[in-house]
Amino acid sequence: MPNPETGALAPGLHLVSVPIGNARDITLRALDVLRDAEVLAAEDTRSLRRLLQIHAVPLEGRRILAYHDHNGPAVRPRLLRALAEGRSVAYAAEAGTPLVADPGYALAREAIAAGHPVTAVPGASALLAALAVGGLPTDRFFFAGFLPAAKGQRHRALEGLRAVPGTLVIYESPRRVAGMLADAAQALGADRPAALCRELTKRFETVRRGTLGALAAMLAEEPAPRGEIVVLIGEGDSRNVSELDVEAMLDAALNRGSVRDAAAEVAAATGLPRRRLYQMALRRTAEERNDDGDDDGG
């Protein structure tokens, strides 16, 4: 906010949201802050410089400091010193809202810890844009960011999301999205509703909706898509299954097979985490053995 006494931008860290594609999706307030801030920092200096040129915001001798995952520890002290000197610092993400899958978190956290004012300048967000057009429930959602690149780690991460009570929002790279959708169909259930949102707000924006299985099969037959991608995955039905129902399902499955097979079967039917069901199945087999032992000893 401007300083009411001087009209200048107030000292502190200003987290500036920038467009995710369409350069016109910037707020007037964001332009004011970028014009008036004494220090400018950005995850991608070229993107911010191009945005300033489009909107005729002069640098007036200011440098744009690069601040990203690789140089954050080295650049952060410089920005914190500027804040300690009572200067206004504006930080812009490469695209969208700072701190959402963005390296600005450590900067904001340390600025807050040092007692400096931290202000949000809201604006575009790929997460919210995808929720708006995805066609899935938005009353509850969970942002999972980028999943691990390694297949095994990614599969475990997806299994940990099975019972999340809401729409899942995942960022993914074009070259990995086909594999991620295939893993998601296997880990979460192929019949879950999903949406693949690509190049939001840009010229070639596309949104493809269907089940996880259908989207995974589609992408398996196509070249890797281009552009920025957000995947939405609808909630499973595990929230409608009671603990007693799960125990009954496990008991029936244990009568047909091993603990591992029973956990896998009930996980596929309910959407609950396989690891949790495996532990429950182990406990139920142990309880059954104890009960048998008590009967024999009576």
Protein backbone atom coordinates (compact mmCIF):
# COMPACT_ATOMS: atom_id res chain seq x y z
CA MET A 1 0.00 0.00 0.00
CA PRO A 2 1.21 3.56 -0.59
CA ASN A 3 2.60 5.51 2.32
CA PRO A 4 -0.18 8.03 3.18
CA GLU A 5 2.39 10.66 4.17
CA THR A 6 4.63 10.52 1.09
CA GLY A 7 2.51 8.78 -1.54
CA ALA A 8 5.40 6.36 -2.11
CA LEU A 9 5.10 2.60 -1.80
CA ALA A 10 5.30 1.61 1.86
CA PRO A 11 8.43 -0.25 3.03
CA GLY A 12 8.20 -4.02 3.16
CA LEU A 13 8.01 -7.09 0.95
CA HIS A 14 5.31 -6.94 -1.72
CA LEU A 15 4.43 -10.31 -3.29
CA VAL A 16 3.20 -9.44 -6.78
CA SER A 17 1.01 -11.79 -8.81
CA VAL A 18 1.64 -11.65 -12.55
CA PRO A 19 -0.20 -13.19 -15.53
CA ILE A 20 0.05 -16.92 -16.26
CA GLY A 21 -0.16 -16.30 -19.99
CA ASN A 22 -2.24 -13.36 -21.17
CA ALA A 23 -0.26 -10.21 -20.41
CA ARG A 24 -3.49 -8.24 -19.86
CA ASP A 25 -4.31 -10.36 -16.81
CA ILE A 26 -2.41 -8.06 -14.47
CA THR A 27 -4.03 -5.75 -11.96
CA LEU A 28 -3.66 -2.00 -11.88
CA ARG A 29 -2.37 -2.31 -8.34
CA ALA A 30 0.33 -4.75 -9.43
CA LEU A 31 1.49 -2.28 -12.07
CA ASP A 32 1.59 0.49 -9.45
CA VAL A 33 3.71 -1.64 -7.12
CA LEU A 34 6.10 -2.66 -9.89
CA ARG A 35 6.44 0.99 -10.89
CA ASP A 36 7.06 2.31 -7.39
CA ALA A 37 9.07 -0.44 -5.62
CA GLU A 38 12.64 0.55 -4.83
CA VAL A 39 13.92 -3.01 -5.32
CA LEU A 40 12.62 -5.51 -7.87
CA ALA A 41 13.19 -9.25 -7.66
CA ALA A 42 11.80 -11.99 -9.87
CA GLU A 43 12.01 -15.73 -10.36
CA ASP A 44 12.53 -15.04 -14.09
CA THR A 45 14.00 -11.60 -14.81
CA ARG A 46 13.33 -11.86 -18.55
CA SER A 47 9.63 -12.55 -18.02
CA LEU A 48 9.24 -9.59 -15.67
CA ARG A 49 11.25 -7.28 -17.92
CA ARG A 50 9.05 -8.25 -20.88
CA LEU A 51 5.89 -7.63 -18.83
CA LEU A 52 7.12 -4.19 -17.78
CA GLN A 53 7.86 -3.33 -21.39
CA ILE A 54 4.40 -4.42 -22.55
CA HIS A 55 2.75 -2.18 -19.94
CA ALA A 56 5.21 0.70 -20.33
CA VAL A 57 6.42 0.53 -16.72
CA PRO A 58 9.87 2.18 -16.61
CA LEU A 59 12.75 0.66 -14.67
CA GLU A 60 14.32 4.08 -14.13
CA GLY A 61 17.74 2.67 -13.38
CA ARG A 62 16.55 -0.21 -11.21
CA ARG A 63 18.01 -3.68 -11.70
CA ILE A 64 15.78 -6.74 -11.54
CA LEU A 65 17.43 -9.22 -9.18
CA ALA A 66 17.07 -12.88 -10.08
CA TYR A 67 15.69 -14.89 -7.16
CA HIS A 68 15.02 -18.59 -7.75
CA ASP A 69 15.57 -22.03 -6.25
CA HIS A 70 19.23 -22.20 -7.24
CA ASN A 71 20.42 -18.80 -5.98
CA GLY A 72 17.92 -18.13 -3.19
CA PRO A 73 20.32 -18.69 -0.28
CA ALA A 74 22.81 -16.23 -1.81
CA VAL A 75 20.33 -13.52 -2.87
CA ARG A 76 17.95 -13.66 0.09
CA PRO A 77 20.31 -11.83 2.52
CA ARG A 78 20.58 -8.96 0.06
CA LEU A 79 16.81 -8.59 -0.13
CA LEU A 80 16.47 -8.86 3.65
CA ARG A 81 19.08 -6.11 4.06
CA ALA A 82 17.02 -3.87 1.77
CA LEU A 83 13.98 -4.55 3.95
CA ALA A 84 15.98 -3.80 7.10
CA GLU A 85 16.96 -0.46 5.55
CA GLY A 86 13.30 0.44 5.25
CA ARG A 87 13.03 -0.03 1.49
CA SER A 88 10.15 -1.41 -0.55
CA VAL A 89 10.90 -4.74 -2.24
CA ALA A 90 8.62 -6.25 -4.90
CA TYR A 91 8.98 -9.95 -5.71
CA ALA A 92 7.23 -11.45 -8.76
CA ALA A 93 6.82 -15.11 -9.60
CA GLU A 94 7.68 -16.34 -13.09
CA ALA A 95 3.94 -16.68 -13.65
CA GLY A 96 0.92 -16.48 -11.37
CA THR A 97 0.88 -15.97 -7.63
CA PRO A 98 4.10 -15.96 -5.58
CA LEU A 99 4.65 -18.85 -3.15
CA VAL A 100 2.29 -21.20 -5.06
CA ALA A 101 4.78 -23.76 -6.43
CA ASP A 102 7.26 -20.90 -6.33
CA PRO A 103 10.60 -20.24 -4.55
CA GLY A 104 9.35 -17.12 -2.75
CA TYR A 105 8.29 -19.02 0.38
CA ALA A 106 11.67 -18.87 2.14
CA LEU A 107 11.95 -15.15 1.42
CA ALA A 108 8.49 -14.40 2.81
CA ARG A 109 9.07 -16.62 5.85
CA GLU A 110 12.36 -14.92 6.75
CA ALA A 111 10.92 -11.46 6.15
CA ILE A 112 8.05 -12.25 8.52
CA ALA A 113 10.44 -13.71 11.10
CA ALA A 114 12.48 -10.49 10.97
CA GLY A 115 9.38 -8.40 11.61
CA HIS A 116 9.13 -6.80 8.17
CA PRO A 117 5.70 -6.04 6.63
CA VAL A 118 4.69 -8.56 3.98
CA THR A 119 1.88 -7.67 1.59
CA ALA A 120 0.10 -9.74 -1.05
CA VAL A 121 -0.80 -8.18 -4.38
CA PRO A 122 -3.34 -10.76 -5.61
CA GLY A 123 -3.91 -11.70 -9.21
CA ALA A 124 -3.70 -14.57 -11.69
CA SER A 125 -3.24 -18.16 -10.53
CA ALA A 126 -3.12 -21.32 -12.65
CA LEU A 127 -4.56 -23.25 -9.71
CA LEU A 128 -7.70 -21.10 -9.50
CA ALA A 129 -8.07 -20.76 -13.26
CA ALA A 130 -8.06 -24.56 -13.61
CA LEU A 131 -10.63 -24.98 -10.86
CA ALA A 132 -12.85 -22.42 -12.61
CA VAL A 133 -12.94 -24.31 -15.92
CA GLY A 134 -12.32 -27.91 -14.87
CA GLY A 135 -15.90 -28.79 -14.09
CA LEU A 136 -15.05 -30.53 -10.79
CA PRO A 137 -16.18 -29.54 -7.28
CA THR A 138 -14.42 -26.49 -5.87
CA ASP A 139 -15.86 -26.36 -2.36
CA ARG A 140 -12.88 -28.39 -1.13
CA PHE A 141 -9.61 -28.90 -2.94
CA PHE A 142 -6.04 -29.96 -2.17
CA PHE A 143 -3.07 -28.48 -4.03
CA ALA A 144 -0.37 -31.13 -4.41
CA GLY A 145 2.00 -29.00 -6.50
CA PHE A 146 4.46 -30.97 -8.66
CA LEU A 147 4.66 -34.70 -7.93
CA PRO A 148 8.05 -36.47 -7.80
CA ALA A 149 9.54 -37.22 -11.21
CA ALA A 150 10.65 -40.77 -10.35
CA LYS A 151 7.89 -43.29 -11.07
CA GLY A 152 8.09 -45.15 -7.75
CA GLN A 153 8.09 -41.98 -5.66
CA ARG A 154 5.28 -40.52 -7.75
CA HIS A 155 3.16 -43.64 -7.28
CA ARG A 156 3.66 -43.50 -3.51
CA ALA A 157 2.77 -39.80 -3.49
CA LEU A 158 -0.45 -40.54 -5.37
CA GLU A 159 -1.38 -43.35 -3.00
CA GLY A 160 -0.98 -40.88 -0.15
CA LEU A 161 -3.59 -38.67 -1.83
CA ARG A 162 -6.25 -41.37 -2.24
CA ALA A 163 -8.39 -40.41 0.74
CA VAL A 164 -8.06 -36.63 0.44
CA PRO A 165 -11.61 -35.25 0.84
CA GLY A 166 -11.72 -32.90 -2.14
CA THR A 167 -10.57 -32.21 -5.69
CA LEU A 168 -6.84 -32.74 -6.23
CA VAL A 169 -4.92 -30.04 -8.11
CA ILE A 170 -1.56 -31.11 -9.56
CA TYR A 171 0.97 -29.23 -11.70
CA GLU A 172 2.82 -31.38 -14.22
CA SER A 173 5.33 -31.01 -17.03
CA PRO A 174 4.22 -31.89 -20.59
CA ARG A 175 6.74 -34.70 -20.96
CA ARG A 176 5.67 -36.41 -17.73
CA VAL A 177 1.91 -35.90 -17.78
CA ALA A 178 1.07 -39.10 -19.70
CA GLY A 179 2.99 -41.22 -17.19
CA MET A 180 1.50 -39.32 -14.26
CA LEU A 181 -2.06 -39.90 -15.52
CA ALA A 182 -1.37 -43.62 -16.00
CA ASP A 183 0.03 -43.85 -12.46
CA ALA A 184 -2.92 -41.84 -11.10
CA ALA A 185 -5.42 -44.15 -12.77
CA GLN A 186 -3.69 -47.13 -11.17
CA ALA A 187 -3.20 -45.59 -7.73
CA LEU A 188 -6.47 -43.67 -7.38
CA GLY A 189 -8.89 -45.55 -9.61
CA ALA A 190 -9.41 -45.32 -13.35
CA ASP A 191 -13.02 -44.21 -12.97
CA ARG A 192 -12.27 -41.01 -11.06
CA PRO A 193 -13.37 -37.86 -12.91
CA ALA A 194 -10.50 -35.67 -14.06
CA ALA A 195 -9.62 -32.67 -16.19
CA LEU A 196 -6.45 -31.86 -18.10
CA CYS A 197 -6.05 -28.08 -18.39
CA ARG A 198 -3.36 -26.83 -20.79
CA GLU A 199 -2.09 -23.34 -21.63
CA LEU A 200 -4.71 -21.59 -19.50
CA THR A 201 -5.45 -17.98 -20.57
CA LYS A 202 -3.28 -18.43 -23.68
CA ARG A 203 -4.19 -18.68 -27.34
CA PHE A 204 -4.22 -22.48 -27.47
CA GLU A 205 -5.98 -23.07 -24.14
CA THR A 206 -7.58 -26.52 -23.99
CA VAL A 207 -9.48 -28.38 -21.30
CA ARG A 208 -10.09 -32.11 -21.68
CA ARG A 209 -12.46 -33.79 -19.26
CA GLY A 210 -13.15 -37.45 -18.61
CA THR A 211 -12.14 -40.27 -16.29
CA LEU A 212 -8.53 -40.76 -15.28
CA GLY A 213 -8.45 -43.97 -17.28
CA ALA A 214 -9.82 -42.32 -20.41
CA LEU A 215 -7.42 -39.37 -20.23
CA ALA A 216 -4.47 -41.68 -19.56
CA ALA A 217 -5.38 -43.85 -22.56
CA MET A 218 -5.78 -40.76 -24.75
CA LEU A 219 -2.39 -39.32 -23.87
CA ALA A 220 -0.68 -42.69 -24.26
CA GLU A 221 -1.59 -42.60 -27.98
CA GLU A 222 -0.58 -38.98 -28.62
CA PRO A 223 2.66 -37.00 -28.79
CA ALA A 224 3.56 -35.19 -25.57
CA PRO A 225 1.48 -32.03 -25.27
CA ARG A 226 3.09 -28.60 -25.15
CA GLY A 227 2.72 -25.82 -22.61
CA GLU A 228 1.86 -25.46 -18.95
CA ILE A 229 -0.43 -28.16 -17.54
CA VAL A 230 -2.73 -28.40 -14.52
CA VAL A 231 -4.43 -31.72 -13.75
CA LEU A 232 -7.59 -31.89 -11.63
CA ILE A 233 -8.73 -35.19 -10.13
CA GLY A 234 -12.14 -35.59 -8.55
CA GLU A 235 -12.74 -37.05 -5.13
CA GLY A 236 -13.09 -40.81 -4.69
CA ASP A 237 -15.89 -42.55 -2.82
CA SER A 238 -13.86 -43.51 0.29
CA ARG A 239 -15.62 -40.80 2.30
CA ASN A 240 -18.87 -42.84 2.00
CA VAL A 241 -17.39 -46.03 3.46
CA SER A 242 -17.66 -46.48 7.23
CA GLU A 243 -14.98 -48.11 9.37
CA LEU A 244 -17.28 -51.09 9.98
CA ASP A 245 -17.80 -51.49 6.24
CA VAL A 246 -14.05 -51.45 5.67
CA GLU A 247 -13.48 -54.08 8.37
CA ALA A 248 -16.18 -56.30 6.87
CA MET A 249 -14.69 -55.92 3.40
CA LEU A 250 -11.24 -56.78 4.75
CA ASP A 251 -12.55 -59.87 6.55
CA ALA A 252 -14.21 -61.11 3.37
CA ALA A 253 -11.09 -60.42 1.31
CA LEU A 254 -8.87 -62.16 3.88
CA ASN A 255 -11.00 -65.29 3.52
CA ARG A 256 -10.09 -65.32 -0.17
CA GLY A 257 -6.41 -64.41 -0.10
CA SER A 258 -3.34 -63.02 1.64
CA VAL A 259 -3.04 -59.86 3.71
CA ARG A 260 -1.38 -58.08 0.80
CA ASP A 261 -4.04 -59.17 -1.68
CA ALA A 262 -6.84 -58.21 0.71
CA ALA A 263 -5.40 -54.73 1.23
CA ALA A 264 -5.05 -54.24 -2.52
CA GLU A 265 -8.60 -55.44 -3.19
CA VAL A 266 -10.22 -53.15 -0.61
CA ALA A 267 -8.03 -50.24 -1.65
CA ALA A 268 -9.23 -50.60 -5.23
CA ALA A 269 -12.86 -50.75 -4.08
CA THR A 270 -12.79 -47.83 -1.63
CA GLY A 271 -9.99 -45.49 -2.66
CA LEU A 272 -8.43 -45.77 0.82
CA PRO A 273 -4.62 -45.89 1.15
CA ARG A 274 -3.28 -49.41 0.62
CA ARG A 275 -0.71 -49.03 3.40
CA ARG A 276 -3.41 -48.17 5.96
CA LEU A 277 -5.54 -51.14 4.84
CA TYR A 278 -2.52 -53.45 5.00
CA GLN A 279 -1.95 -52.47 8.63
CA MET A 280 -5.65 -52.97 9.41
CA ALA A 281 -5.57 -56.39 7.77
CA LEU A 282 -2.49 -57.38 9.79
CA ARG A 283 -4.26 -56.36 13.00
CA ARG A 284 -7.39 -58.32 12.11
CA THR A 285 -5.44 -61.49 11.33
CA ALA A 286 -3.53 -61.10 14.63
CA GLU A 287 -6.81 -60.60 16.52
CA GLU A 288 -8.27 -63.68 14.87
CA ARG A 289 -5.26 -65.78 15.88
CA ASN A 290 -5.55 -64.51 19.46
CA ASP A 291 -9.24 -65.34 19.53
CA ASP A 292 -8.52 -68.84 18.27
CA GLY A 293 -5.86 -69.26 20.93
CA ASP A 294 -8.25 -68.16 23.68
CA ASP A 295 -10.87 -70.69 22.51
CA ASP A 296 -8.33 -73.49 22.46
CA GLY A 297 -7.13 -72.68 25.95
CA GLY A 298 -10.63 -72.43 27.45
